[in-house]
N, C-alpha and C. Protein backbone atom coordinates (compact mmCIF):
# COMPACT_ATOMS: atom_id res chain seq x y z
N MET A 1 19.30 64.85 -18.78
CA MET A 1 21.17 65.07 -18.99
C MET A 1 21.10 63.51 -19.66
N ALA A 2 21.67 62.08 -19.00
CA ALA A 2 22.01 61.14 -19.17
C ALA A 2 21.44 61.11 -21.01
N ASP A 3 20.45 61.26 -21.51
CA ASP A 3 20.18 61.61 -22.84
C ASP A 3 20.88 62.10 -23.76
N LEU A 4 20.94 63.78 -23.42
CA LEU A 4 21.59 64.55 -23.91
C LEU A 4 23.22 63.70 -24.28
N ALA A 5 23.81 63.55 -22.94
CA ALA A 5 24.98 62.89 -22.95
C ALA A 5 25.69 62.46 -23.98
N ALA A 6 24.45 61.07 -23.76
CA ALA A 6 24.13 60.05 -24.51
C ALA A 6 24.44 60.30 -26.25
N ARG A 7 23.32 61.76 -26.48
CA ARG A 7 23.32 61.89 -27.99
C ARG A 7 24.76 62.97 -28.81
N ARG A 8 25.47 62.88 -28.10
CA ARG A 8 26.63 64.17 -27.93
C ARG A 8 28.14 62.25 -28.79
N HIS A 9 27.32 61.39 -28.33
CA HIS A 9 28.17 60.49 -29.04
C HIS A 9 26.86 59.27 -29.42
N PRO A 10 26.77 60.10 -31.08
CA PRO A 10 26.12 59.34 -31.37
C PRO A 10 26.31 57.53 -32.10
N VAL A 11 27.66 57.48 -32.47
CA VAL A 11 27.96 55.73 -32.91
C VAL A 11 27.76 55.30 -31.73
N VAL A 12 27.36 55.45 -30.14
CA VAL A 12 26.82 54.60 -29.20
C VAL A 12 25.81 54.69 -29.03
N GLY A 13 25.04 55.77 -29.95
CA GLY A 13 23.16 55.29 -30.13
C GLY A 13 22.73 54.76 -31.08
N LEU A 14 23.85 54.58 -32.56
CA LEU A 14 23.70 53.92 -33.35
C LEU A 14 24.17 52.24 -32.81
N ALA A 15 24.52 52.16 -32.59
CA ALA A 15 24.76 50.70 -32.08
C ALA A 15 23.40 50.20 -31.12
N ALA A 16 23.11 50.83 -30.19
CA ALA A 16 21.93 50.61 -29.50
C ALA A 16 21.08 50.62 -30.35
N PHE A 17 20.79 51.22 -31.24
CA PHE A 17 19.91 51.11 -31.95
C PHE A 17 19.36 49.82 -32.75
N GLY A 18 20.72 49.79 -33.51
CA GLY A 18 21.47 48.42 -34.05
C GLY A 18 20.98 46.96 -33.98
N ALA A 19 21.46 47.30 -31.86
CA ALA A 19 21.51 45.77 -30.84
C ALA A 19 20.25 45.50 -31.10
N ALA A 20 19.02 46.73 -30.73
CA ALA A 20 17.45 46.52 -30.53
C ALA A 20 17.28 45.53 -31.83
N VAL A 21 17.56 45.99 -32.99
CA VAL A 21 16.94 45.64 -34.09
C VAL A 21 17.46 44.10 -35.01
N ALA A 22 18.75 44.12 -34.08
CA ALA A 22 19.71 42.88 -34.32
C ALA A 22 18.56 41.87 -33.82
N LEU A 23 18.51 41.87 -32.40
CA LEU A 23 18.03 41.52 -31.60
C LEU A 23 16.79 40.75 -31.83
N VAL A 24 15.85 41.84 -32.44
CA VAL A 24 14.37 41.16 -33.44
C VAL A 24 14.83 40.24 -34.70
N ALA A 25 15.48 40.40 -34.86
CA ALA A 25 16.35 39.75 -36.16
C ALA A 25 16.70 38.05 -36.19
N VAL A 26 17.71 38.46 -35.12
CA VAL A 26 18.17 37.45 -34.07
C VAL A 26 17.25 36.41 -33.80
N ALA A 27 16.17 36.51 -33.14
CA ALA A 27 15.16 36.43 -32.38
C ALA A 27 14.09 35.76 -33.50
N GLY A 28 13.64 36.38 -34.91
CA GLY A 28 13.43 35.73 -36.17
C GLY A 28 14.22 34.73 -36.44
N SER A 29 15.01 34.78 -36.70
CA SER A 29 15.78 33.44 -37.47
C SER A 29 15.67 32.50 -36.52
N LEU A 30 16.15 32.72 -34.93
CA LEU A 30 15.92 31.34 -34.28
C LEU A 30 14.84 30.81 -34.13
N ALA A 31 14.01 31.73 -34.43
CA ALA A 31 12.22 31.21 -34.34
C ALA A 31 11.91 30.37 -36.14
N SER A 32 12.07 30.70 -36.97
CA SER A 32 12.20 30.11 -38.34
C SER A 32 13.40 29.22 -38.70
N MET A 33 14.19 28.58 -37.97
CA MET A 33 14.94 28.08 -38.49
C MET A 33 15.03 26.63 -39.33
N SER A 34 13.18 26.12 -39.70
CA SER A 34 13.12 25.37 -40.71
C SER A 34 11.73 26.20 -41.56
N ALA A 35 12.28 27.50 -41.53
CA ALA A 35 11.00 28.49 -42.56
C ALA A 35 10.78 27.27 -43.67
N ALA A 36 12.05 27.60 -44.50
CA ALA A 36 11.95 27.33 -46.20
C ALA A 36 10.98 26.24 -46.60
N SER A 37 11.88 24.88 -45.45
CA SER A 37 10.63 23.93 -45.30
C SER A 37 9.25 23.89 -45.19
N GLU A 38 8.77 24.91 -44.45
CA GLU A 38 7.54 24.89 -44.09
C GLU A 38 6.85 25.79 -44.90
N TYR A 39 7.96 26.98 -44.97
CA TYR A 39 7.11 27.53 -45.94
C TYR A 39 6.42 27.04 -47.37
N GLN A 40 7.65 25.97 -47.69
CA GLN A 40 7.47 25.20 -49.43
C GLN A 40 5.94 24.13 -49.16
N ALA A 41 6.19 23.88 -47.70
CA ALA A 41 4.97 23.29 -47.48
C ALA A 41 3.50 23.55 -47.30
N LEU A 42 3.30 24.93 -47.37
CA LEU A 42 2.44 26.08 -47.61
C LEU A 42 1.62 25.38 -48.68
N GLU A 43 0.28 25.94 -49.00
CA GLU A 43 -0.48 26.55 -49.94
C GLU A 43 -0.37 27.62 -50.17
N THR A 44 0.87 27.97 -51.29
CA THR A 44 0.76 29.82 -51.11
C THR A 44 0.35 30.60 -52.16
N PRO A 45 -0.37 31.39 -52.86
CA PRO A 45 0.00 32.04 -53.70
C PRO A 45 0.87 31.87 -54.90
N SER A 46 0.07 31.86 -55.89
CA SER A 46 1.31 32.13 -56.92
C SER A 46 2.01 33.09 -56.98
N TRP A 47 1.61 34.77 -56.34
CA TRP A 47 2.56 35.39 -56.85
C TRP A 47 3.62 35.21 -54.90
N ALA A 48 3.30 34.33 -54.26
CA ALA A 48 4.49 34.25 -53.28
C ALA A 48 6.07 34.33 -53.46
N PRO A 49 6.81 35.25 -53.05
CA PRO A 49 7.91 35.12 -53.40
C PRO A 49 9.35 33.96 -52.65
N PRO A 50 10.16 33.19 -53.51
CA PRO A 50 10.74 32.55 -52.84
C PRO A 50 11.27 32.70 -51.96
N PRO A 51 11.65 31.64 -50.89
CA PRO A 51 12.02 31.13 -49.60
C PRO A 51 13.05 32.20 -49.43
N TRP A 52 14.09 32.04 -50.26
CA TRP A 52 15.79 32.93 -50.20
C TRP A 52 15.33 34.54 -50.53
N LEU A 53 14.52 34.51 -51.22
CA LEU A 53 14.44 36.23 -50.97
C LEU A 53 14.16 37.41 -49.45
N PHE A 54 13.57 36.11 -48.50
CA PHE A 54 13.28 36.93 -47.14
C PHE A 54 14.19 37.69 -46.02
N GLY A 55 15.33 36.35 -46.45
CA GLY A 55 16.45 37.07 -46.05
C GLY A 55 17.16 37.81 -46.47
N PRO A 56 17.55 38.23 -47.30
CA PRO A 56 18.01 39.70 -48.10
C PRO A 56 17.46 40.58 -47.71
N VAL A 57 16.05 40.51 -48.01
CA VAL A 57 15.48 41.87 -47.75
C VAL A 57 15.27 41.80 -46.51
N TRP A 58 14.66 40.78 -45.82
CA TRP A 58 14.95 41.95 -44.23
C TRP A 58 15.93 42.06 -43.90
N THR A 59 17.29 42.06 -44.12
CA THR A 59 18.74 42.35 -44.04
C THR A 59 18.42 43.95 -44.55
N VAL A 60 18.11 43.98 -45.48
CA VAL A 60 18.14 45.49 -45.28
C VAL A 60 17.11 46.87 -45.15
N LEU A 61 16.06 45.74 -44.57
CA LEU A 61 15.20 46.65 -44.23
C LEU A 61 15.55 46.68 -42.36
N TYR A 62 15.92 45.54 -41.83
CA TYR A 62 16.10 45.77 -40.35
C TYR A 62 17.52 47.22 -40.35
N ALA A 63 18.48 46.82 -41.04
CA ALA A 63 19.30 47.84 -41.68
C ALA A 63 18.55 49.75 -41.37
N MET A 64 17.52 49.49 -41.79
CA MET A 64 16.79 51.11 -42.73
C MET A 64 16.31 51.44 -41.42
N ILE A 65 15.53 50.26 -40.45
CA ILE A 65 14.29 50.60 -39.36
C ILE A 65 15.61 51.29 -38.53
N ALA A 66 16.87 50.49 -38.27
CA ALA A 66 17.56 50.91 -36.99
C ALA A 66 18.45 52.59 -37.13
N VAL A 67 18.77 52.71 -38.09
CA VAL A 67 18.88 53.76 -38.84
C VAL A 67 17.77 54.77 -38.53
N SER A 68 16.14 54.91 -38.84
CA SER A 68 15.22 55.47 -38.78
C SER A 68 14.98 56.28 -37.55
N GLY A 69 15.16 54.85 -36.57
CA GLY A 69 15.26 55.43 -35.17
C GLY A 69 16.46 55.58 -34.31
N TRP A 70 17.05 55.63 -35.05
CA TRP A 70 18.78 56.09 -34.86
C TRP A 70 18.78 58.12 -34.91
N LEU A 71 18.58 58.14 -36.20
CA LEU A 71 18.24 59.40 -36.68
C LEU A 71 17.67 59.85 -36.15
N PHE A 72 15.98 59.96 -35.48
CA PHE A 72 15.08 60.16 -34.49
C PHE A 72 15.92 60.61 -33.67
N TRP A 73 15.73 59.72 -32.70
CA TRP A 73 17.31 60.01 -31.30
C TRP A 73 17.78 60.75 -31.22
N LYS A 74 18.68 60.61 -32.10
CA LYS A 74 19.82 61.69 -32.33
C LYS A 74 19.07 63.35 -32.25
N ARG A 75 18.22 63.54 -32.92
CA ARG A 75 18.03 65.06 -32.67
C ARG A 75 16.79 65.23 -31.09
N GLU A 76 15.82 64.61 -31.17
CA GLU A 76 14.83 64.64 -30.23
C GLU A 76 15.68 63.50 -29.10
N GLY A 77 16.14 62.76 -29.06
CA GLY A 77 16.66 62.45 -27.61
C GLY A 77 15.01 61.46 -27.11
N VAL A 78 14.95 60.92 -26.51
CA VAL A 78 14.28 59.62 -26.01
C VAL A 78 12.31 60.82 -25.75
N ARG A 79 11.99 60.06 -26.69
CA ARG A 79 10.72 60.80 -25.96
C ARG A 79 9.44 59.61 -26.63
N TRP A 80 8.30 59.61 -26.21
CA TRP A 80 7.02 58.62 -26.39
C TRP A 80 6.91 58.36 -27.76
N GLU A 81 7.10 58.46 -29.27
CA GLU A 81 7.28 58.12 -30.09
C GLU A 81 8.31 56.89 -30.54
N LEU A 82 9.60 56.77 -29.54
CA LEU A 82 10.19 55.98 -29.27
C LEU A 82 9.41 55.11 -28.90
N GLY A 83 8.77 55.17 -28.17
CA GLY A 83 7.52 54.20 -27.79
C GLY A 83 7.14 53.17 -28.30
N LEU A 84 6.32 54.09 -29.64
CA LEU A 84 5.81 53.31 -30.38
C LEU A 84 7.11 52.38 -31.77
N PHE A 85 7.77 53.43 -31.50
CA PHE A 85 9.09 52.17 -32.66
C PHE A 85 9.33 51.32 -31.83
N ALA A 86 9.84 50.77 -30.46
CA ALA A 86 10.07 50.13 -29.74
C ALA A 86 8.65 49.15 -30.48
N ALA A 87 6.87 49.07 -29.78
CA ALA A 87 6.33 48.88 -30.49
C ALA A 87 6.05 48.07 -31.24
N GLN A 88 6.64 48.68 -32.78
CA GLN A 88 6.69 48.43 -33.86
C GLN A 88 7.38 46.86 -33.80
N LEU A 89 9.06 47.10 -32.82
CA LEU A 89 9.70 46.82 -33.04
C LEU A 89 9.31 44.91 -32.48
N VAL A 90 8.45 45.05 -31.26
CA VAL A 90 7.78 43.77 -30.50
C VAL A 90 7.03 43.34 -31.64
N LEU A 91 6.53 44.34 -31.86
CA LEU A 91 4.87 43.26 -33.02
C LEU A 91 5.89 42.54 -34.37
N ASN A 92 7.23 43.37 -34.67
CA ASN A 92 8.26 42.50 -36.14
C ASN A 92 8.74 41.93 -34.85
N GLY A 93 8.96 41.39 -34.04
CA GLY A 93 9.45 40.41 -33.59
C GLY A 93 8.80 38.87 -32.68
N LEU A 94 7.24 39.22 -32.93
CA LEU A 94 6.53 37.97 -32.33
C LEU A 94 5.59 37.30 -33.19
N TRP A 95 5.76 38.02 -35.21
CA TRP A 95 5.38 37.52 -36.21
C TRP A 95 6.23 35.87 -36.63
N THR A 96 7.03 35.64 -36.82
CA THR A 96 7.99 35.13 -37.04
C THR A 96 7.53 33.87 -35.73
N PRO A 97 8.25 33.83 -34.53
CA PRO A 97 7.65 32.54 -34.22
C PRO A 97 5.64 32.27 -33.99
N LEU A 98 5.05 33.44 -34.24
CA LEU A 98 3.78 32.99 -34.22
C LEU A 98 3.26 31.97 -35.57
N PHE A 99 4.00 32.78 -36.78
CA PHE A 99 3.53 31.95 -37.70
C PHE A 99 4.94 30.76 -37.85
N PHE A 100 6.03 30.83 -37.82
CA PHE A 100 6.91 29.29 -38.30
C PHE A 100 6.16 28.19 -36.77
N ALA A 101 6.82 29.18 -35.97
CA ALA A 101 7.33 27.87 -34.84
C ALA A 101 5.94 27.50 -33.74
N ALA A 102 4.88 28.51 -33.93
CA ALA A 102 3.69 27.67 -33.92
C ALA A 102 2.23 27.80 -34.52
N ASP A 103 2.59 27.93 -35.68
CA ASP A 103 1.89 27.62 -37.08
C ASP A 103 0.56 28.13 -36.54
N LEU A 104 0.40 29.37 -35.98
CA LEU A 104 -0.43 30.05 -35.72
C LEU A 104 -0.70 30.82 -36.61
N TYR A 105 -1.26 30.74 -38.05
CA TYR A 105 -1.10 31.73 -39.20
C TYR A 105 -2.01 32.71 -38.66
N ALA A 106 -3.32 32.33 -37.83
CA ALA A 106 -4.37 33.76 -38.41
C ALA A 106 -3.77 34.16 -37.57
N VAL A 107 -3.60 33.87 -36.07
CA VAL A 107 -2.70 35.16 -35.45
C VAL A 107 -1.96 35.64 -35.72
N ALA A 108 -0.51 35.47 -36.34
CA ALA A 108 0.06 36.33 -37.19
C ALA A 108 0.05 37.10 -38.19
N LEU A 109 -1.37 36.91 -38.79
CA LEU A 109 -2.09 37.84 -39.41
C LEU A 109 -2.25 38.51 -38.42
N ALA A 110 -2.80 38.68 -37.64
CA ALA A 110 -3.67 39.24 -36.82
C ALA A 110 -2.38 40.71 -36.11
N ASP A 111 -1.63 40.04 -36.07
CA ASP A 111 -0.10 41.09 -35.75
C ASP A 111 0.37 41.64 -36.50
N ILE A 112 0.48 40.98 -37.75
CA ILE A 112 1.29 41.29 -39.30
C ILE A 112 0.32 42.69 -39.58
N VAL A 113 -1.00 43.10 -39.06
CA VAL A 113 -2.31 44.09 -39.47
C VAL A 113 -1.75 44.91 -38.41
N LEU A 114 -1.78 44.52 -37.53
CA LEU A 114 -0.93 45.42 -35.59
C LEU A 114 0.01 46.10 -36.20
N LEU A 115 1.02 45.45 -37.03
CA LEU A 115 2.59 45.93 -37.02
C LEU A 115 2.10 46.53 -37.90
N PHE A 116 1.63 46.66 -39.22
CA PHE A 116 1.46 47.97 -39.95
C PHE A 116 1.08 48.48 -40.03
N ALA A 117 -0.12 49.01 -38.96
CA ALA A 117 -0.92 49.99 -38.66
C ALA A 117 0.18 50.67 -37.71
N SER A 118 1.34 50.17 -36.73
CA SER A 118 1.99 50.62 -36.58
C SER A 118 3.02 51.38 -36.92
N ILE A 119 3.02 51.18 -38.41
CA ILE A 119 4.35 51.46 -38.89
C ILE A 119 3.80 52.57 -39.37
N VAL A 120 2.19 52.28 -39.84
CA VAL A 120 2.23 54.02 -40.87
C VAL A 120 1.95 54.99 -39.64
N ALA A 121 1.40 54.24 -38.09
CA ALA A 121 1.50 55.88 -37.52
C ALA A 121 2.99 56.25 -36.93
N LEU A 122 3.56 55.33 -37.42
CA LEU A 122 5.05 55.78 -37.18
C LEU A 122 5.78 57.25 -37.66
N ILE A 123 5.60 56.01 -39.34
CA ILE A 123 6.19 56.96 -40.55
C ILE A 123 5.34 58.61 -40.26
N VAL A 124 4.05 58.66 -39.76
CA VAL A 124 3.40 59.97 -40.19
C VAL A 124 3.60 60.64 -38.68
N VAL A 125 3.46 60.13 -37.87
CA VAL A 125 4.35 60.61 -36.47
C VAL A 125 5.80 61.39 -36.72
N PHE A 126 6.59 60.90 -37.13
CA PHE A 126 7.92 61.36 -37.69
C PHE A 126 7.54 62.27 -39.04
N LEU A 127 6.73 62.14 -39.69
CA LEU A 127 6.77 62.85 -40.69
C LEU A 127 6.58 64.44 -40.22
N ARG A 128 5.36 64.21 -39.40
CA ARG A 128 4.27 65.69 -38.57
C ARG A 128 5.54 66.23 -38.08
N ARG A 129 6.71 65.30 -36.78
CA ARG A 129 7.61 66.36 -36.43
C ARG A 129 8.81 66.80 -36.92
N GLY A 130 8.18 66.80 -38.51
CA GLY A 130 9.73 67.38 -38.96
C GLY A 130 10.96 66.27 -39.90
N HIS A 131 10.96 65.35 -39.21
CA HIS A 131 11.81 63.81 -39.46
C HIS A 131 11.70 63.06 -40.61
N ARG A 132 11.44 63.72 -41.80
CA ARG A 132 11.40 63.31 -43.79
C ARG A 132 12.86 62.01 -43.06
N ALA A 133 13.64 61.82 -43.11
CA ALA A 133 14.62 60.51 -43.47
C ALA A 133 14.25 59.61 -42.55
N SER A 134 13.81 59.84 -41.15
CA SER A 134 13.25 59.00 -39.97
C SER A 134 11.96 58.05 -41.11
N GLY A 135 11.19 59.09 -41.34
CA GLY A 135 9.74 58.35 -41.82
C GLY A 135 9.95 57.59 -43.26
N LEU A 136 10.82 58.90 -43.74
CA LEU A 136 10.87 58.16 -45.23
C LEU A 136 11.90 56.23 -45.32
N LEU A 137 12.80 56.43 -44.47
CA LEU A 137 12.99 55.09 -44.53
C LEU A 137 12.54 53.85 -43.88
N LEU A 138 10.84 54.42 -43.69
CA LEU A 138 10.06 53.15 -42.76
C LEU A 138 9.34 53.30 -43.84
N VAL A 139 9.74 53.73 -45.18
CA VAL A 139 8.29 53.30 -46.67
C VAL A 139 8.61 52.03 -46.94
N PRO A 140 10.35 51.22 -46.89
CA PRO A 140 9.98 50.61 -47.78
C PRO A 140 9.84 49.11 -46.89
N TYR A 141 9.75 49.84 -45.59
CA TYR A 141 9.38 48.33 -44.74
C TYR A 141 8.24 48.47 -44.57
N LEU A 142 7.15 49.51 -44.93
CA LEU A 142 5.86 49.55 -44.52
C LEU A 142 5.50 48.56 -46.33
N LEU A 143 5.84 48.72 -46.87
CA LEU A 143 5.98 48.22 -48.25
C LEU A 143 5.73 46.93 -48.40
N TRP A 144 6.76 46.54 -47.58
CA TRP A 144 6.81 45.08 -47.56
C TRP A 144 6.34 44.56 -46.47
N VAL A 145 5.86 45.09 -45.33
CA VAL A 145 5.14 44.00 -44.27
C VAL A 145 3.35 44.48 -45.02
N GLY A 146 2.94 45.71 -45.70
CA GLY A 146 1.49 45.76 -46.98
C GLY A 146 1.68 44.25 -46.93
N PHE A 147 2.73 43.69 -48.38
CA PHE A 147 3.05 42.52 -48.94
C PHE A 147 2.84 41.59 -47.94
N ALA A 148 3.56 41.47 -47.43
CA ALA A 148 3.64 39.81 -46.29
C ALA A 148 1.89 39.94 -45.28
N THR A 149 1.58 41.04 -45.15
CA THR A 149 0.59 40.82 -44.54
C THR A 149 -0.77 40.32 -45.75
N ALA A 150 -0.53 40.62 -47.44
CA ALA A 150 -1.90 40.10 -48.07
C ALA A 150 -0.87 38.34 -48.48
N LEU A 151 0.03 38.21 -48.08
CA LEU A 151 0.75 36.80 -48.27
C LEU A 151 0.29 36.09 -47.60
N ASN A 152 0.22 36.63 -45.72
CA ASN A 152 -0.58 35.88 -44.53
C ASN A 152 -1.51 35.95 -44.40
N ALA A 153 -2.73 36.51 -45.34
CA ALA A 153 -3.99 36.63 -45.40
C ALA A 153 -4.34 35.65 -46.62
N ALA A 154 -3.35 35.48 -47.41
CA ALA A 154 -3.86 34.34 -48.46
C ALA A 154 -3.10 33.11 -47.37
N ILE A 155 -2.22 32.73 -47.19
CA ILE A 155 -1.73 31.64 -46.89
C ILE A 155 -2.77 31.49 -45.57
N VAL A 156 -3.54 32.03 -44.92
CA VAL A 156 -4.93 31.80 -44.27
C VAL A 156 -6.06 30.45 -45.07
N ALA A 157 -5.84 31.33 -45.30
CA ALA A 157 -7.05 31.36 -46.28
C ALA A 157 -7.14 29.88 -47.20
N LEU A 158 -5.77 29.80 -47.57
CA LEU A 158 -5.35 28.91 -48.78
C LEU A 158 -4.98 27.45 -47.54
N ASN A 159 -5.25 27.31 -46.51
CA ASN A 159 -4.74 26.27 -45.56
C ASN A 159 -5.13 26.21 -44.61
């Protein structure tokens, strides 16, 4: 009942999804305060993007992630699929401290591989449940995480 009442006020739901995603973004920012200098000190492949690109890309992706989850919740309410949504957020939130704060590049690689798999699963689940917009909003995120996975693997190999 409480979930149905909350869905009658969709702005509250959007704010909640935005806050959850923002929490992950802020935690990542705090864990990567010196990321630009650390990243530049690493041996990276020739196709690695410049450090300044990550912030704008993640800002757009985080907004899309929040809207994706919110759209699903708005139509379906709290369901097990939102547990998968939360799991990918946790995996996302773990990557930055593992990579930048702890310098655990191989552990971060394992995390990002799991993150990639969880995003694939979430897209499939959203699409199979008829939530095309929720699923498609996650495709750029999947592509970026796929690229980041390759970059993380290259950094593990080079360092």
